[in-house]
Each structure stands twice: as structure tokens, then as C-alpha cells.
Protein backbone atom coordinates (compact mmCIF):
# COMPACT_ATOMS: atom_id res chain seq x y z
CA MET A 1 -13.73 -10.53 26.75
CA SER A 2 -15.24 -7.24 26.25
CA MET A 3 -13.38 -4.47 23.99
CA ILE A 4 -11.70 -1.78 26.05
CA ALA A 5 -13.04 1.81 24.29
CA VAL A 6 -10.51 3.73 22.79
CA HIS A 7 -10.84 7.27 23.39
CA ASP A 8 -12.68 9.62 20.92
CA SER A 9 -10.10 13.04 20.90
CA SER A 10 -12.61 14.94 19.10
CA THR A 11 -14.91 15.41 22.13
CA THR A 12 -14.95 19.07 23.68
CA ASP A 13 -11.86 19.25 25.63
CA GLY A 14 -10.37 17.59 22.65
CA SER A 15 -8.58 20.33 21.60
CA TYR A 16 -6.61 21.57 24.14
CA ALA A 17 -5.73 18.28 25.28
CA ASP A 18 -4.17 17.24 22.55
CA GLN A 19 -2.14 20.78 22.48
CA VAL A 20 -1.14 19.74 25.97
CA VAL A 21 -0.01 16.53 25.10
CA ASP A 22 2.45 18.14 22.14
CA GLU A 23 3.91 20.99 24.07
CA ALA A 24 4.43 18.47 26.88
CA VAL A 25 6.36 15.86 24.46
CA ARG A 26 7.99 19.33 22.51
CA GLN A 27 9.53 20.10 25.80
CA ALA A 28 10.48 16.85 26.43
CA GLU A 29 12.66 16.36 23.48
CA GLU A 30 14.44 19.42 24.91
CA LYS A 31 15.04 18.14 28.63
CA GLY A 32 13.92 15.09 29.03
CA TRP A 33 10.49 13.39 29.65
CA GLU A 34 11.45 13.64 33.25
CA ALA A 35 12.04 16.98 33.38
CA VAL A 36 8.91 18.07 32.04
CA ARG A 37 6.49 19.81 34.69
CA LEU A 38 2.40 20.70 33.55
CA THR A 39 2.47 23.90 35.68
CA GLU A 40 4.85 24.88 33.00
CA VAL A 41 3.59 23.69 29.84
CA ALA A 42 0.03 25.11 31.05
CA HIS A 43 2.06 28.64 30.82
CA ALA A 44 3.55 27.65 27.86
CA LEU A 45 0.00 27.45 26.15
CA GLU A 46 -1.19 30.23 28.69
CA LEU A 47 -3.95 27.75 29.94
CA PRO A 48 -5.19 27.70 33.41
CA MET A 49 -3.82 24.58 35.28
CA SER A 50 -7.31 23.96 36.43
CA LEU A 51 -8.08 23.58 33.09
CA VAL A 52 -5.81 20.86 32.61
CA LEU A 53 -5.96 19.59 35.93
CA LYS A 54 -9.41 18.34 34.62
CA ARG A 55 -7.89 16.98 31.39
CA PHE A 56 -5.09 14.89 33.08
CA ARG A 57 -4.15 14.33 36.98
CA ASP A 58 -0.72 13.80 36.29
CA LEU A 59 2.53 13.86 33.91
CA ASP A 60 1.59 9.67 33.42
CA ALA A 61 -1.81 10.65 32.21
CA VAL A 62 -0.75 12.81 29.28
CA ALA A 63 1.88 9.64 28.38
CA ASN A 64 -1.70 8.03 28.06
CA ALA A 65 -3.39 10.41 26.04
CA TRP A 66 0.26 9.95 23.72
CA PHE A 67 0.13 6.22 23.16
CA GLN A 68 -3.67 6.77 23.00
CA ARG A 69 -2.53 8.27 19.62
CA GLY A 70 -0.97 4.82 18.29
CA LEU A 71 -4.02 2.77 18.72
CA GLN A 72 -5.56 5.43 16.20
CA ALA A 73 -3.35 4.83 13.99
CA MET A 74 -3.73 1.05 14.34
CA LEU A 75 -7.64 1.48 13.74
CA ALA A 76 -7.26 3.86 10.93
CA GLU A 77 -9.00 3.67 7.59
CA LYS A 78 -7.19 0.86 5.68
CA PRO A 79 -6.77 0.06 1.82
CA ASP A 80 -9.61 -0.96 0.30
CA THR A 81 -8.19 -4.30 -0.70
CA PHE A 82 -7.50 -4.65 2.80
CA GLU A 83 -9.40 -7.56 3.85
CA ASP A 84 -8.12 -9.29 0.44
CA TRP A 85 -4.47 -9.66 1.82
CA PRO A 86 -2.70 -12.23 3.66
CA GLU A 87 -3.08 -12.98 7.13
CA ARG A 88 0.64 -11.79 8.24
CA VAL A 89 0.52 -8.68 5.85
CA ARG A 90 -2.41 -7.11 7.80
CA ILE A 91 -0.89 -7.82 11.47
CA GLU A 92 2.36 -6.36 9.68
CA HIS A 93 0.50 -3.21 8.59
CA CYS A 94 -1.04 -2.98 11.83
CA LEU A 95 1.60 -3.55 14.06
CA LEU A 96 3.74 -0.98 12.35
CA ALA A 97 1.29 1.86 11.88
CA TRP A 98 1.61 1.90 15.52
CA PHE A 99 5.63 2.15 15.85
CA ASP A 100 5.48 4.48 12.38
CA ALA A 101 2.93 7.21 14.59
CA PHE A 102 5.56 7.92 17.21
CA ALA A 103 8.47 7.72 15.35
CA ALA A 104 8.99 11.23 14.74
CA HIS A 105 9.38 11.06 18.67
CA ARG A 106 11.01 7.74 19.37
CA ARG A 107 13.50 8.83 22.19
CA VAL A 108 11.08 10.54 24.44
CA THR A 109 8.14 7.92 23.35
CA VAL A 110 11.21 5.26 25.00
CA GLN A 111 11.54 7.84 27.61
CA MET A 112 7.50 7.51 29.23
CA LEU A 113 7.91 3.28 28.67
CA ARG A 114 10.94 4.16 31.03
CA THR A 115 9.05 5.92 33.07
CA LYS A 116 6.54 3.67 33.61
CA ALA A 117 8.10 0.86 34.52
CA HIS A 118 10.84 2.70 37.01
CA LEU A 119 10.74 0.06 40.00
CA PRO A 120 9.52 3.15 42.35
CA HIS A 121 6.35 3.54 40.50
CA LEU A 122 4.19 1.14 41.35
CA HIS A 123 1.18 2.68 40.41
CA THR A 124 1.54 2.14 36.81
CA TRP A 125 2.61 -1.16 36.39
CA VAL A 126 -0.58 -2.59 36.33
CA PRO A 127 -1.97 -0.21 33.74
CA MET A 128 0.64 -1.11 31.97
CA ALA A 129 0.04 -4.64 31.58
CA PHE A 130 -3.79 -3.57 30.82
CA ASP A 131 -2.66 -1.22 28.19
CA LEU A 132 -0.69 -3.80 26.71
CA SER A 133 -3.25 -6.20 26.95
CA ARG A 134 -5.67 -3.13 25.19
CA THR A 135 -3.51 -3.12 22.49
CA VAL A 136 -3.23 -6.77 21.25
CA GLN A 137 -6.61 -6.65 21.56
CA TRP A 138 -7.27 -3.95 19.11
CA LEU A 139 -4.22 -5.37 16.96
CA ARG A 140 -6.44 -7.88 16.67
CA GLU A 141 -9.75 -6.30 15.82
CA ALA A 142 -7.43 -3.87 13.26
CA ALA A 143 -6.06 -7.05 11.42
CA GLN A 144 -9.37 -8.42 11.06
CA LEU A 145 -8.57 -11.50 12.44
CA GLU A 146 -11.19 -14.23 12.68
CA ALA A 147 -11.23 -16.01 15.75
CA ARG A 148 -13.16 -14.74 18.87
CA TYR A 149 -12.87 -13.48 21.96
CA GLY A 150 -12.40 -16.57 23.94
CA THR A 151 -11.73 -19.09 22.26
CA ARG A 152 -8.61 -21.13 22.12
CA ARG A 153 -6.94 -19.50 18.97
CA ALA A 154 -7.47 -16.29 20.27
CA GLN A 155 -5.82 -16.78 23.01
CA VAL A 156 -2.70 -18.34 21.49
CA GLU A 157 -2.80 -15.15 19.11
CA GLU A 158 -2.97 -12.83 21.74
CA VAL A 159 -0.35 -13.88 23.98
CA ALA A 160 1.97 -14.06 20.28
CA LEU A 161 0.93 -10.93 19.48
CA THR A 162 1.90 -10.01 23.07
CA SER A 163 5.54 -11.60 22.53
CA LEU A 164 5.83 -10.12 18.76
CA PHE A 165 4.63 -6.53 20.09
CA LEU A 166 7.19 -6.73 23.25
CA ALA A 167 9.95 -7.79 20.39
CA THR A 168 9.56 -5.68 18.24
CA LEU A 169 9.24 -2.67 20.92
CA ALA A 170 12.85 -3.34 21.99
CA VAL A 171 14.12 -3.19 18.57
CA TRP A 172 12.46 -0.16 17.84
CA SER A 173 13.76 1.36 20.62
CA ARG A 174 17.07 1.46 19.28
CA ASP A 175 17.14 1.55 16.02
CA VAL A 176 18.00 4.92 14.32
CA SER A 177 18.27 3.43 10.47
CA ASP A 178 16.40 4.82 7.23
CA GLY A 179 12.61 4.81 7.75
CA GLN A 180 12.72 2.34 11.13
CA ARG A 181 14.15 -0.23 8.53
CA ARG A 182 15.58 -2.31 11.19
CA THR A 183 12.37 -2.76 12.41
CA ARG A 184 9.87 -3.39 9.72
CA GLN A 185 12.67 -6.52 8.49
CA PHE A 186 12.15 -7.92 12.16
CA VAL A 187 8.38 -7.39 12.21
CA GLU A 188 8.45 -9.13 8.48
CA ARG A 189 10.92 -12.13 9.63
CA ARG A 190 9.13 -13.12 12.94
CA LEU A 191 6.28 -13.04 10.65
CA LYS A 192 7.46 -14.96 7.65
CA ARG A 193 8.03 -17.36 10.54
CA GLY A 194 5.23 -18.02 12.00
CA GLU A 195 3.38 -18.44 8.99
CA SER A 196 6.24 -21.45 7.79
CA CYS A 197 5.51 -23.06 11.55
CA MET A 198 1.73 -23.00 11.03
CA LYS A 199 2.00 -26.73 11.68
CA TRP A 200 4.02 -27.17 14.37
CA VAL A 201 0.86 -25.20 16.45
CA PRO A 202 -0.56 -27.65 19.12
CA GLY A 203 -3.52 -28.76 18.68
CA MET A 204 -4.84 -26.71 15.43
CA LYS A 205 -5.44 -27.50 12.11
CA ARG A 206 -2.74 -26.14 9.87
CA LYS A 207 -5.32 -24.38 7.14
CA ALA A 208 -6.85 -22.45 10.61
CA ALA A 209 -3.78 -21.27 12.25
CA SER A 210 -2.43 -17.97 11.74
CA PRO A 211 1.44 -16.28 11.70
CA ALA A 212 0.15 -15.09 15.18
CA SER A 213 -0.30 -18.11 16.68
CA ALA A 214 2.10 -19.84 14.76
CA SER A 215 5.03 -17.49 15.92
CA LEU A 216 4.06 -18.57 19.48
């Protein structure tokens, strides 16, 4: 399975593209995500609509650029001792980095996801599945999990991490605790449970199995 490239916002259109995303989120905080109009975003930034259209075909493309920031947060530079951390802690660090990237705008972020999953929006359903797969792939990369793509262990890890990500998302979407404490505690419990159940992973040696695969 080949990795999907992470878009580099430092390209020539990165500056105004980031402004468009930030302004769209700002307006969404005032009136809700579905009420945002790209024409109004362009007007607020004093940008020609043709320039905005060049980068964003619709509001869903703006949402995609917003979620790209979560991937960048997961892949951000790690502490020097990161490789020496237990695998469970590395996964926790990277997973929470994704959610922390959107903490200041959690309500709008959840609205974006609900809009993508809305029943009439069939054109966003399939891309959502690929986006989720890509996020999990990059989570494995960011956490420096050892199993190579295509191996049985990697496949089990992907399924388990997908389940963990979605379960965490459900908790995070309703988390109003200070510093997202509930979400952090949930992730910590799930990963510790997986670590303690490693010996029950079918077909895997206890020493080789990861907390991610064990949580399946």
C-alpha cells in the first residue's frame, strides 16, 4: 500500500489558502459551517473569487484543507527521545496531536464532519473513507510503528487504530472538559487495555504484538 502525500501549505498559494481557511472557520464560529459562503469569505479577505476558486472548488475543499492541519500536527517534529518511548505512548502522543490541532474550534470541526456525512452528500462519503484510511496510515508512520504495510500485523493495526480513532472522535466531539481531559483519559485507557491484552491477539506472539493491534 503506497502512502498518500501530505499537501505542503508552503507552496505559492499557501499564504492566501490559509487565509481562506482561517476566515471560513472564523465565520463558521459566528453562524455555523453550513452557513459559510465562499463569496463572503473572499469579500472579507478582499480576494477575487476567481483566485479562491483556483484553490477551492467548494466549501468541502476548505474543510479538507482544515483537516490537513491535523495530519501536519501528527507529523510535527518529535522530542529527541521519541523513538525510545513505549509504542503505546507514541501512538497516544500522535493521536492526541490530531485532536489538539482542532481543540480551539471543536464545534466547527464537528460541524464539518457532520456535513460531510450528511445523507444527501453522497459525493463526500467515499472521499471520507479514503481520508480516514490516510489519517490512520500517517498515524502509524508518525508513531513509528515497525510493521511494514501489507503484513498481517500492519493490517490488524490499521483496523484497530481506525476503531480507536473513531471511538476517540465520538468522545472528543462532546468533550467540554478542561484541556480535553476526558478525551485524553479515554485514549490512555483504551491503549493500556490493548497493551494488557496483547497475548490474546490471534496468530501473533505476545512479544511482537503492539498495543494498537491488541486493542482490536
